[in-house]
PDB file of all heavy atoms in Angstrom:
ATOM      1  N   LYS A   1       0.825  -1.212  -0.006  1.00  0.00           N
ATOM      2  CA  LYS A   1      -0.020   0.014   0.012  1.00  0.00           C
ATOM      3  C   LYS A   1       0.883   1.222   0.012  1.00  0.00           C
ATOM      4  O   LYS A   1       1.843   1.371   0.711  1.00  0.00           O
ATOM      5  CB  LYS A   1      -0.896   0.024   1.235  1.00  0.00           C
ATOM      6  CG  LYS A   1      -1.844   1.223   1.342  1.00  0.00           C
ATOM      7  CD  LYS A   1      -2.719   1.129   2.588  1.00  0.00           C
ATOM      8  CE  LYS A   1      -3.695   2.313   2.713  1.00  0.00           C
ATOM      9  NZ  LYS A   1      -4.539   2.161   3.890  1.00  0.00           N
ATOM     10  N   SER A   2       0.504   2.193  -0.827  1.00  0.00           N
ATOM     11  CA  SER A   2       1.171   3.480  -0.870  1.00  0.00           C
ATOM     12  C   SER A   2       0.128   4.555  -0.545  1.00  0.00           C
ATOM     13  O   SER A   2      -0.985   4.532  -1.010  1.00  0.00           O
ATOM     14  CB  SER A   2       1.788   3.758  -2.249  1.00  0.00           C
ATOM     15  OG  SER A   2       2.292   5.124  -2.328  1.00  0.00           O
ATOM     16  N   SER A   3       0.546   5.506   0.279  1.00  0.00           N
ATOM     17  CA  SER A   3      -0.343   6.619   0.677  1.00  0.00           C
ATOM     18  C   SER A   3       0.109   7.937   0.039  1.00  0.00           C
ATOM     19  O   SER A   3      -0.413   8.999   0.300  1.00  0.00           O
ATOM     20  CB  SER A   3      -0.410   6.763   2.132  1.00  0.00           C
ATOM     21  OG  SER A   3      -1.026   5.628   2.812  1.00  0.00           O
ATOM     22  N   ASN A   4       1.166   7.804  -0.809  1.00  0.00           N
ATOM     23  CA  ASN A   4       1.678   9.031  -1.462  1.00  0.00           C
ATOM     24  C   ASN A   4       1.905   8.865  -2.981  1.00  0.00           C
ATOM     25  O   ASN A   4       2.829   9.312  -3.561  1.00  0.00           O
ATOM     26  CB  ASN A   4       3.008   9.474  -0.805  1.00  0.00           C
ATOM     27  CG  ASN A   4       3.977   8.327  -0.709  1.00  0.00           C
ATOM     28  OD1 ASN A   4       3.877   7.338  -1.458  1.00  0.00           O
ATOM     29  ND2 ASN A   4       4.965   8.479   0.176  1.00  0.00           N
ATOM     30  N   GLY A   5       0.970   8.158  -3.558  1.00  0.00           N
ATOM     31  CA  GLY A   5       0.978   7.975  -4.996  1.00  0.00           C
ATOM     32  C   GLY A   5       2.068   7.124  -5.573  1.00  0.00           C
ATOM     33  O   GLY A   5       2.450   7.276  -6.727  1.00  0.00           O
ATOM     34  N   GLY A   6       2.586   6.230  -4.729  1.00  0.00           N
ATOM     35  CA  GLY A   6       3.635   5.307  -5.198  1.00  0.00           C
ATOM     36  C   GLY A   6       5.044   5.693  -4.862  1.00  0.00           C
ATOM     37  O   GLY A   6       5.940   4.991  -5.221  1.00  0.00           O
ATOM     38  N   ASN A   7       5.195   6.825  -4.180  1.00  0.00           N
ATOM     39  CA  ASN A   7       6.572   7.213  -3.802  1.00  0.00           C
ATOM     40  C   ASN A   7       7.189   6.244  -2.794  1.00  0.00           C
ATOM     41  O   ASN A   7       8.424   6.048  -2.822  1.00  0.00           O
ATOM     42  CB  ASN A   7       6.596   8.650  -3.251  1.00  0.00           C
ATOM     43  CG  ASN A   7       6.233   9.619  -4.343  1.00  0.00           C
ATOM     44  OD1 ASN A   7       6.554   9.457  -5.499  1.00  0.00           O
ATOM     45  ND2 ASN A   7       5.606  10.725  -3.929  1.00  0.00           N
ATOM     46  N   SER A   8       6.417   5.677  -1.914  1.00  0.00           N
ATOM     47  CA  SER A   8       6.891   4.707  -0.908  1.00  0.00           C
ATOM     48  C   SER A   8       5.750   3.679  -0.719  1.00  0.00           C
ATOM     49  O   SER A   8       4.591   3.962  -0.906  1.00  0.00           O
ATOM     50  CB  SER A   8       7.244   5.398   0.385  1.00  0.00           C
ATOM     51  OG  SER A   8       6.188   6.043   0.955  1.00  0.00           O
ATOM     52  N   TRP A   9       6.195   2.445  -0.281  1.00  0.00           N
ATOM     53  CA  TRP A   9       5.251   1.357  -0.141  1.00  0.00           C
ATOM     54  C   TRP A   9       5.427   0.599   1.183  1.00  0.00           C
ATOM     55  O   TRP A   9       6.538   0.511   1.660  1.00  0.00           O
ATOM     56  CB  TRP A   9       5.435   0.362  -1.312  1.00  0.00           C
ATOM     57  CG  TRP A   9       5.194   0.944  -2.678  1.00  0.00           C
ATOM     58  CD1 TRP A   9       6.138   1.545  -3.451  1.00  0.00           C
ATOM     59  CD2 TRP A   9       3.984   0.910  -3.426  1.00  0.00           C
ATOM     60  NE1 TRP A   9       5.526   1.973  -4.645  1.00  0.00           N
ATOM     61  CE2 TRP A   9       4.249   1.513  -4.655  1.00  0.00           C
ATOM     62  CE3 TRP A   9       2.702   0.384  -3.174  1.00  0.00           C
ATOM     63  CZ2 TRP A   9       3.282   1.726  -5.591  1.00  0.00           C
ATOM     64  CZ3 TRP A   9       1.776   0.573  -4.147  1.00  0.00           C
ATOM     65  CH2 TRP A   9       2.016   1.241  -5.345  1.00  0.00           C
ATOM     66  N   THR A  10       4.342   0.103   1.689  1.00  0.00           N
ATOM     67  CA  THR A  10       4.350  -0.654   2.922  1.00  0.00           C
ATOM     68  C   THR A  10       3.608  -1.952   2.683  1.00  0.00           C
ATOM     69  O   THR A  10       2.467  -1.950   2.147  1.00  0.00           O
ATOM     70  CB  THR A  10       3.731   0.131   4.097  1.00  0.00           C
ATOM     71  OG1 THR A  10       4.391   1.323   4.313  1.00  0.00           O
ATOM     72  CG2 THR A  10       3.734  -0.696   5.363  1.00  0.00           C
ATOM     73  N   ASN A  11       4.151  -3.056   3.029  1.00  0.00           N
ATOM     74  CA  ASN A  11       3.486  -4.346   2.959  1.00  0.00           C
ATOM     75  C   ASN A  11       2.321  -4.388   3.955  1.00  0.00           C
ATOM     76  O   ASN A  11       2.459  -4.111   5.104  1.00  0.00           O
ATOM     77  CB  ASN A  11       4.420  -5.526   3.239  1.00  0.00           C
ATOM     78  CG  ASN A  11       3.782  -6.872   2.896  1.00  0.00           C
ATOM     79  OD1 ASN A  11       2.859  -7.307   3.574  1.00  0.00           O
ATOM     80  ND2 ASN A  11       4.305  -7.448   1.900  1.00  0.00           N
ATOM     81  N   THR A  12       1.120  -4.665   3.431  1.00  0.00           N
ATOM     82  CA  THR A  12      -0.100  -4.630   4.292  1.00  0.00           C
ATOM     83  C   THR A  12      -0.760  -6.012   4.436  1.00  0.00           C
ATOM     84  O   THR A  12      -1.898  -6.109   4.676  1.00  0.00           O
ATOM     85  CB  THR A  12      -1.080  -3.592   3.749  1.00  0.00           C
ATOM     86  OG1 THR A  12      -2.193  -3.424   4.588  1.00  0.00           O
ATOM     87  CG2 THR A  12      -1.618  -4.063   2.354  1.00  0.00           C
ATOM     88  N   GLY A  13       0.040  -7.093   4.233  1.00  0.00           N
ATOM     89  CA  GLY A  13      -0.481  -8.380   4.527  1.00  0.00           C
ATOM     90  C   GLY A  13      -0.665  -9.311   3.379  1.00  0.00           C
ATOM     91  O   GLY A  13      -0.311  -9.029   2.226  1.00  0.00           O
ATOM     92  N   LEU A  14      -1.208 -10.497   3.682  1.00  0.00           N
ATOM     93  CA  LEU A  14      -1.468 -11.564   2.734  1.00  0.00           C
ATOM     94  C   LEU A  14      -0.189 -12.125   2.117  1.00  0.00           C
ATOM     95  O   LEU A  14      -0.202 -12.624   0.937  1.00  0.00           O
ATOM     96  CB  LEU A  14      -2.466 -11.099   1.658  1.00  0.00           C
ATOM     97  CG  LEU A  14      -3.818 -10.695   2.136  1.00  0.00           C
ATOM     98  CD1 LEU A  14      -4.750 -10.406   0.967  1.00  0.00           C
ATOM     99  CD2 LEU A  14      -4.518 -11.786   2.957  1.00  0.00           C
ATOM    100  N   LYS A  15       0.892 -12.101   2.854  1.00  0.00           N
ATOM    101  CA  LYS A  15       2.160 -12.614   2.276  1.00  0.00           C
ATOM    102  C   LYS A  15       2.033 -14.103   1.872  1.00  0.00           C
ATOM    103  O   LYS A  15       2.591 -14.536   0.860  1.00  0.00           O
ATOM    104  CB  LYS A  15       3.254 -12.395   3.304  1.00  0.00           C
ATOM    105  CG  LYS A  15       4.644 -12.941   2.846  1.00  0.00           C
ATOM    106  CD  LYS A  15       5.717 -12.644   3.872  1.00  0.00           C
ATOM    107  CE  LYS A  15       7.079 -13.183   3.410  1.00  0.00           C
ATOM    108  NZ  LYS A  15       8.123 -12.864   4.343  1.00  0.00           N
ATOM    109  N   GLU A  16       1.371 -14.884   2.742  1.00  0.00           N
ATOM    110  CA  GLU A  16       1.316 -16.324   2.479  1.00  0.00           C
ATOM    111  C   GLU A  16       0.527 -16.693   1.242  1.00  0.00           C
ATOM    112  O   GLU A  16       0.664 -17.805   0.761  1.00  0.00           O
ATOM    113  CB  GLU A  16       0.682 -17.057   3.713  1.00  0.00           C
ATOM    114  CG  GLU A  16       1.570 -16.929   4.975  1.00  0.00           C
ATOM    115  CD  GLU A  16       1.504 -15.521   5.683  1.00  0.00           C
ATOM    116  OE1 GLU A  16       0.598 -14.799   5.275  1.00  0.00           O
ATOM    117  OE2 GLU A  16       2.328 -15.285   6.563  1.00  0.00           O
ATOM    118  N   THR A  17      -0.323 -15.801   0.701  1.00  0.00           N
ATOM    119  CA  THR A  17      -1.081 -16.117  -0.459  1.00  0.00           C
ATOM    120  C   THR A  17      -0.208 -16.214  -1.715  1.00  0.00           C
ATOM    121  O   THR A  17      -0.640 -16.845  -2.713  1.00  0.00           O
ATOM    122  CB  THR A  17      -2.217 -15.121  -0.672  1.00  0.00           C
ATOM    123  OG1 THR A  17      -1.600 -13.812  -0.929  1.00  0.00           O
ATOM    124  CG2 THR A  17      -3.095 -15.027   0.541  1.00  0.00           C
ATOM    125  N   ARG A  18       0.941 -15.546  -1.728  1.00  0.00           N
ATOM    126  CA  ARG A  18       1.954 -15.620  -2.773  1.00  0.00           C
ATOM    127  C   ARG A  18       1.561 -15.119  -4.127  1.00  0.00           C
ATOM    128  O   ARG A  18       2.398 -14.582  -4.842  1.00  0.00           O
ATOM    129  CB  ARG A  18       2.414 -17.080  -2.915  1.00  0.00           C
ATOM    130  CG  ARG A  18       3.150 -17.562  -1.672  1.00  0.00           C
ATOM    131  CD  ARG A  18       4.322 -16.736  -1.328  1.00  0.00           C
ATOM    132  NE  ARG A  18       4.827 -17.014   0.012  1.00  0.00           N
ATOM    133  CZ  ARG A  18       5.821 -16.346   0.548  1.00  0.00           C
ATOM    134  NH1 ARG A  18       6.337 -15.292  -0.109  1.00  0.00           N
ATOM    135  NH2 ARG A  18       6.300 -16.573   1.769  1.00  0.00           N
ATOM    136  N   ILE A  19       0.307 -15.231  -4.561  1.00  0.00           N
ATOM    137  CA  ILE A  19      -0.106 -14.665  -5.851  1.00  0.00           C
ATOM    138  C   ILE A  19      -1.466 -13.953  -5.667  1.00  0.00           C
ATOM    139  O   ILE A  19      -2.478 -14.552  -5.378  1.00  0.00           O
ATOM    140  CB  ILE A  19      -0.292 -15.739  -6.943  1.00  0.00           C
ATOM    141  CG1 ILE A  19       1.111 -16.290  -7.271  1.00  0.00           C
ATOM    142  CG2 ILE A  19      -0.889 -15.142  -8.180  1.00  0.00           C
ATOM    143  CD1 ILE A  19       1.080 -17.430  -8.337  1.00  0.00           C
ATOM    144  N   ILE A  20      -1.437 -12.595  -5.812  1.00  0.00           N
ATOM    145  CA  ILE A  20      -2.659 -11.803  -5.777  1.00  0.00           C
ATOM    146  C   ILE A  20      -3.159 -11.611  -7.176  1.00  0.00           C
ATOM    147  O   ILE A  20      -2.447 -11.057  -8.029  1.00  0.00           O
ATOM    148  CB  ILE A  20      -2.386 -10.459  -5.059  1.00  0.00           C
ATOM    149  CG1 ILE A  20      -1.876 -10.667  -3.627  1.00  0.00           C
ATOM    150  CG2 ILE A  20      -3.614  -9.602  -5.088  1.00  0.00           C
ATOM    151  CD1 ILE A  20      -2.877 -11.266  -2.726  1.00  0.00           C
ATOM    152  N   SER A  21      -4.326 -12.030  -7.468  1.00  0.00           N
ATOM    153  CA  SER A  21      -4.863 -11.922  -8.810  1.00  0.00           C
ATOM    154  C   SER A  21      -5.626 -10.649  -9.046  1.00  0.00           C
ATOM    155  O   SER A  21      -5.471 -10.092 -10.156  1.00  0.00           O
ATOM    156  CB  SER A  21      -5.767 -13.164  -9.140  1.00  0.00           C
ATOM    157  OG  SER A  21      -6.879 -13.205  -8.178  1.00  0.00           O
ATOM    158  N   GLN A  22      -6.425 -10.203  -8.121  1.00  0.00           N
ATOM    159  CA  GLN A  22      -7.232  -9.046  -8.297  1.00  0.00           C
ATOM    160  C   GLN A  22      -7.426  -8.293  -6.972  1.00  0.00           C
ATOM    161  O   GLN A  22      -7.457  -8.919  -5.936  1.00  0.00           O
ATOM    162  CB  GLN A  22      -8.624  -9.454  -8.809  1.00  0.00           C
ATOM    163  CG  GLN A  22      -8.674  -9.868 -10.268  1.00  0.00           C
ATOM    164  CD  GLN A  22      -8.568  -8.698 -11.229  1.00  0.00           C
ATOM    165  OE1 GLN A  22      -9.229  -7.688 -11.059  1.00  0.00           O
ATOM    166  NE2 GLN A  22      -7.823  -8.907 -12.291  1.00  0.00           N
ATOM    167  N   ILE A  23      -7.484  -6.953  -7.080  1.00  0.00           N
ATOM    168  CA  ILE A  23      -7.744  -6.102  -5.954  1.00  0.00           C
ATOM    169  C   ILE A  23      -8.923  -5.161  -6.290  1.00  0.00           C
ATOM    170  O   ILE A  23      -8.897  -4.555  -7.404  1.00  0.00           O
ATOM    171  CB  ILE A  23      -6.523  -5.258  -5.534  1.00  0.00           C
ATOM    172  CG1 ILE A  23      -5.354  -6.176  -5.257  1.00  0.00           C
ATOM    173  CG2 ILE A  23      -6.862  -4.345  -4.316  1.00  0.00           C
ATOM    174  CD1 ILE A  23      -4.022  -5.369  -4.968  1.00  0.00           C
ATOM    175  N   HIS A  24      -9.833  -5.009  -5.419  1.00  0.00           N
ATOM    176  CA  HIS A  24     -10.977  -4.085  -5.671  1.00  0.00           C
ATOM    177  C   HIS A  24     -11.175  -3.209  -4.428  1.00  0.00           C
ATOM    178  O   HIS A  24     -11.352  -3.774  -3.310  1.00  0.00           O
ATOM    179  CB  HIS A  24     -12.235  -4.852  -6.031  1.00  0.00           C
ATOM    180  CG  HIS A  24     -13.428  -3.920  -6.236  1.00  0.00           C
ATOM    181  ND1 HIS A  24     -13.703  -3.318  -7.447  1.00  0.00           N
ATOM    182  CD2 HIS A  24     -14.339  -3.407  -5.388  1.00  0.00           C
ATOM    183  CE1 HIS A  24     -14.735  -2.533  -7.335  1.00  0.00           C
ATOM    184  NE2 HIS A  24     -15.140  -2.526  -6.078  1.00  0.00           N
ATOM    185  N   VAL A  25     -11.173  -1.923  -4.632  1.00  0.00           N
ATOM    186  CA  VAL A  25     -11.439  -0.945  -3.515  1.00  0.00           C
ATOM    187  C   VAL A  25     -12.867  -0.452  -3.723  1.00  0.00           C
ATOM    188  O   VAL A  25     -13.248   0.058  -4.757  1.00  0.00           O
ATOM    189  CB  VAL A  25     -10.433   0.220  -3.557  1.00  0.00           C
ATOM    190  CG1 VAL A  25     -10.677   1.103  -2.353  1.00  0.00           C
ATOM    191  CG2 VAL A  25      -9.014  -0.299  -3.490  1.00  0.00           C
ATOM    192  N   SER A  26     -13.659  -0.522  -2.618  1.00  0.00           N
ATOM    193  CA  SER A  26     -15.029  -0.099  -2.710  1.00  0.00           C
ATOM    194  C   SER A  26     -15.224   1.360  -2.985  1.00  0.00           C
ATOM    195  O   SER A  26     -14.484   2.194  -2.459  1.00  0.00           O
ATOM    196  CB  SER A  26     -15.748  -0.478  -1.373  1.00  0.00           C
ATOM    197  OG  SER A  26     -17.023   0.087  -1.306  1.00  0.00           O
ATOM    198  N   ARG A  27     -16.220   1.634  -3.832  1.00  0.00           N
ATOM    199  CA  ARG A  27     -16.569   3.061  -4.081  1.00  0.00           C
ATOM    200  C   ARG A  27     -17.367   3.668  -2.983  1.00  0.00           C
ATOM    201  O   ARG A  27     -17.332   4.891  -2.796  1.00  0.00           O
ATOM    202  CB  ARG A  27     -17.292   3.179  -5.362  1.00  0.00           C
ATOM    203  CG  ARG A  27     -16.509   2.758  -6.630  1.00  0.00           C
ATOM    204  CD  ARG A  27     -17.417   2.837  -7.897  1.00  0.00           C
ATOM    205  NE  ARG A  27     -16.639   2.479  -9.108  1.00  0.00           N
ATOM    206  CZ  ARG A  27     -15.925   3.283  -9.830  1.00  0.00           C
ATOM    207  NH1 ARG A  27     -15.826   4.541  -9.456  1.00  0.00           N
ATOM    208  NH2 ARG A  27     -15.257   2.872 -10.882  1.00  0.00           N
ATOM    209  N   GLN A  28     -18.113   2.840  -2.240  1.00  0.00           N
ATOM    210  CA  GLN A  28     -18.933   3.299  -1.148  1.00  0.00           C
ATOM    211  C   GLN A  28     -18.132   3.477   0.120  1.00  0.00           C
ATOM    212  O   GLN A  28     -18.346   4.449   0.877  1.00  0.00           O
ATOM    213  CB  GLN A  28     -20.081   2.345  -0.887  1.00  0.00           C
ATOM    214  CG  GLN A  28     -21.164   2.325  -1.945  1.00  0.00           C
ATOM    215  CD  GLN A  28     -20.725   1.493  -3.160  1.00  0.00           C
ATOM    216  OE1 GLN A  28     -20.289   0.380  -3.004  1.00  0.00           O
ATOM    217  NE2 GLN A  28     -20.875   2.027  -4.349  1.00  0.00           N
ATOM    218  N   ASN A  29     -17.176   2.582   0.370  1.00  0.00           N
ATOM    219  CA  ASN A  29     -16.307   2.705   1.623  1.00  0.00           C
ATOM    220  C   ASN A  29     -14.959   2.268   1.276  1.00  0.00           C
ATOM    221  O   ASN A  29     -14.656   1.095   1.115  1.00  0.00           O
ATOM    222  CB  ASN A  29     -16.938   1.748   2.665  1.00  0.00           C
ATOM    223  CG  ASN A  29     -16.163   1.840   3.966  1.00  0.00           C
ATOM    224  OD1 ASN A  29     -15.163   2.517   4.066  1.00  0.00           O
ATOM    225  ND2 ASN A  29     -16.600   1.151   4.999  1.00  0.00           N
ATOM    226  N   PRO A  30     -14.043   3.183   1.128  1.00  0.00           N
ATOM    227  CA  PRO A  30     -12.636   2.871   0.657  1.00  0.00           C
ATOM    228  C   PRO A  30     -11.881   1.986   1.630  1.00  0.00           C
ATOM    229  O   PRO A  30     -10.855   1.466   1.258  1.00  0.00           O
ATOM    230  CB  PRO A  30     -11.989   4.211   0.459  1.00  0.00           C
ATOM    231  CG  PRO A  30     -12.764   5.160   1.329  1.00  0.00           C
ATOM    232  CD  PRO A  30     -14.229   4.654   1.294  1.00  0.00           C
ATOM    233  N   ASN A  31     -12.378   1.839   2.834  1.00  0.00           N
ATOM    234  CA  ASN A  31     -11.689   0.941   3.789  1.00  0.00           C
ATOM    235  C   ASN A  31     -12.045  -0.511   3.505  1.00  0.00           C
ATOM    236  O   ASN A  31     -11.422  -1.453   4.074  1.00  0.00           O
ATOM    237  CB  ASN A  31     -12.104   1.265   5.253  1.00  0.00           C
ATOM    238  CG  ASN A  31     -11.393   2.540   5.685  1.00  0.00           C
ATOM    239  OD1 ASN A  31     -10.229   2.751   5.397  1.00  0.00           O
ATOM    240  ND2 ASN A  31     -12.121   3.340   6.405  1.00  0.00           N
ATOM    241  N   THR A  32     -13.048  -0.769   2.621  1.00  0.00           N
ATOM    242  CA  THR A  32     -13.437  -2.083   2.248  1.00  0.00           C
ATOM    243  C   THR A  32     -12.688  -2.494   1.005  1.00  0.00           C
ATOM    244  O   THR A  32     -12.875  -1.885  -0.094  1.00  0.00           O
ATOM    245  CB  THR A  32     -14.951  -2.207   2.058  1.00  0.00           C
ATOM    246  OG1 THR A  32     -15.634  -1.878   3.275  1.00  0.00           O
ATOM    247  CG2 THR A  32     -15.299  -3.653   1.644  1.00  0.00           C
ATOM    248  N   ILE A  33     -11.882  -3.547   1.099  1.00  0.00           N
ATOM    249  CA  ILE A  33     -11.090  -3.973  -0.004  1.00  0.00           C
ATOM    250  C   ILE A  33     -11.260  -5.516  -0.191  1.00  0.00           C
ATOM    251  O   ILE A  33     -11.281  -6.263   0.823  1.00  0.00           O
ATOM    252  CB  ILE A  33      -9.577  -3.697   0.205  1.00  0.00           C
ATOM    253  CG1 ILE A  33      -9.391  -2.211   0.569  1.00  0.00           C
ATOM    254  CG2 ILE A  33      -8.740  -4.069  -0.961  1.00  0.00           C
ATOM    255  CD1 ILE A  33      -8.046  -1.907   1.151  1.00  0.00           C
ATOM    256  N   TYR A  34     -11.405  -5.944  -1.427  1.00  0.00           N
ATOM    257  CA  TYR A  34     -11.426  -7.362  -1.727  1.00  0.00           C
ATOM    258  C   TYR A  34     -10.169  -7.724  -2.527  1.00  0.00           C
ATOM    259  O   TYR A  34      -9.737  -6.961  -3.415  1.00  0.00           O
ATOM    260  CB  TYR A  34     -12.683  -7.756  -2.588  1.00  0.00           C
ATOM    261  CG  TYR A  34     -14.017  -7.405  -1.899  1.00  0.00           C
ATOM    262  CD1 TYR A  34     -14.758  -6.311  -2.175  1.00  0.00           C
ATOM    263  CD2 TYR A  34     -14.479  -8.270  -0.914  1.00  0.00           C
ATOM    264  CE1 TYR A  34     -15.932  -6.031  -1.574  1.00  0.00           C
ATOM    265  CE2 TYR A  34     -15.679  -8.018  -0.276  1.00  0.00           C
ATOM    266  CZ  TYR A  34     -16.396  -6.887  -0.613  1.00  0.00           C
ATOM    267  OH  TYR A  34     -17.625  -6.655   0.039  1.00  0.00           O
ATOM    268  N   ALA A  35      -9.653  -8.950  -2.255  1.00  0.00           N
ATOM    269  CA  ALA A  35      -8.423  -9.362  -2.939  1.00  0.00           C
ATOM    270  C   ALA A  35      -8.553 -10.886  -3.197  1.00  0.00           C
ATOM    271  O   ALA A  35      -8.796 -11.653  -2.295  1.00  0.00           O
ATOM    272  CB  ALA A  35      -7.182  -9.136  -2.069  1.00  0.00           C
ATOM    273  N   GLY A  36      -8.398 -11.222  -4.460  1.00  0.00           N
ATOM    274  CA  GLY A  36      -8.362 -12.642  -4.889  1.00  0.00           C
ATOM    275  C   GLY A  36      -6.914 -13.174  -4.832  1.00  0.00           C
ATOM    276  O   GLY A  36      -5.981 -12.463  -5.159  1.00  0.00           O
ATOM    277  N   ALA A  37      -6.786 -14.441  -4.432  1.00  0.00           N
ATOM    278  CA  ALA A  37      -5.470 -15.005  -4.239  1.00  0.00           C
ATOM    279  C   ALA A  37      -5.475 -16.419  -4.815  1.00  0.00           C
ATOM    280  O   ALA A  37      -6.398 -17.175  -4.629  1.00  0.00           O
ATOM    281  CB  ALA A  37      -5.056 -14.991  -2.797  1.00  0.00           C
ATOM    282  N   MET A  38      -4.372 -16.784  -5.511  1.00  0.00           N
ATOM    283  CA  MET A  38      -4.203 -18.144  -6.065  1.00  0.00           C
ATOM    284  C   MET A  38      -3.366 -19.008  -5.184  1.00  0.00           C
ATOM    285  O   MET A  38      -3.308 -20.222  -5.402  1.00  0.00           O
ATOM    286  CB  MET A  38      -3.611 -17.989  -7.486  1.00  0.00           C
ATOM    287  CG  MET A  38      -4.535 -17.500  -8.524  1.00  0.00           C
ATOM    288  SD  MET A  38      -5.997 -18.532  -8.726  1.00  0.00           S
ATOM    289  CE  MET A  38      -5.243 -20.078  -9.248  1.00  0.00           C
ATOM    290  N   GLY A  39      -2.650 -18.489  -4.185  1.00  0.00           N
ATOM    291  CA  GLY A  39      -1.900 -19.278  -3.324  1.00  0.00           C
ATOM    292  C   GLY A  39      -0.505 -19.697  -3.964  1.00  0.00           C
ATOM    293  O   GLY A  39      -0.232 -19.358  -5.148  1.00  0.00           O
ATOM    294  N   LEU A  40       0.303 -20.375  -3.169  1.00  0.00           N
ATOM    295  CA  LEU A  40       1.593 -20.859  -3.721  1.00  0.00           C
ATOM    296  C   LEU A  40       1.316 -21.880  -4.833  1.00  0.00           C
ATOM    297  O   LEU A  40       0.625 -22.930  -4.599  1.00  0.00           O
ATOM    298  CB  LEU A  40       2.380 -21.552  -2.567  1.00  0.00           C
ATOM    299  CG  LEU A  40       3.763 -22.007  -2.933  1.00  0.00           C
ATOM    300  CD1 LEU A  40       4.662 -20.794  -3.159  1.00  0.00           C
ATOM    301  CD2 LEU A  40       4.359 -22.906  -1.802  1.00  0.00           C
ATOM    302  N   PRO A  41       1.778 -21.608  -6.059  1.00  0.00           N
ATOM    303  CA  PRO A  41       1.347 -22.465  -7.173  1.00  0.00           C
ATOM    304  C   PRO A  41       1.996 -23.853  -7.236  1.00  0.00           C
ATOM    305  O   PRO A  41       1.616 -24.665  -7.986  1.00  0.00           O
ATOM    306  CB  PRO A  41       1.772 -21.621  -8.392  1.00  0.00           C
ATOM    307  CG  PRO A  41       2.935 -20.842  -7.910  1.00  0.00           C
ATOM    308  CD  PRO A  41       2.623 -20.498  -6.471  1.00  0.00           C
TER     309      PRO A  41
END
């Protein structure tokens, strides 16, 4: 996650999933995020 347009980044979890396929940030509530994961292949 970056809070400054990509100038710096912080790992915000789901390390064990290994492959993130999709991320969706809610338009109604930006704190609600969905993430699809394929796991260690």
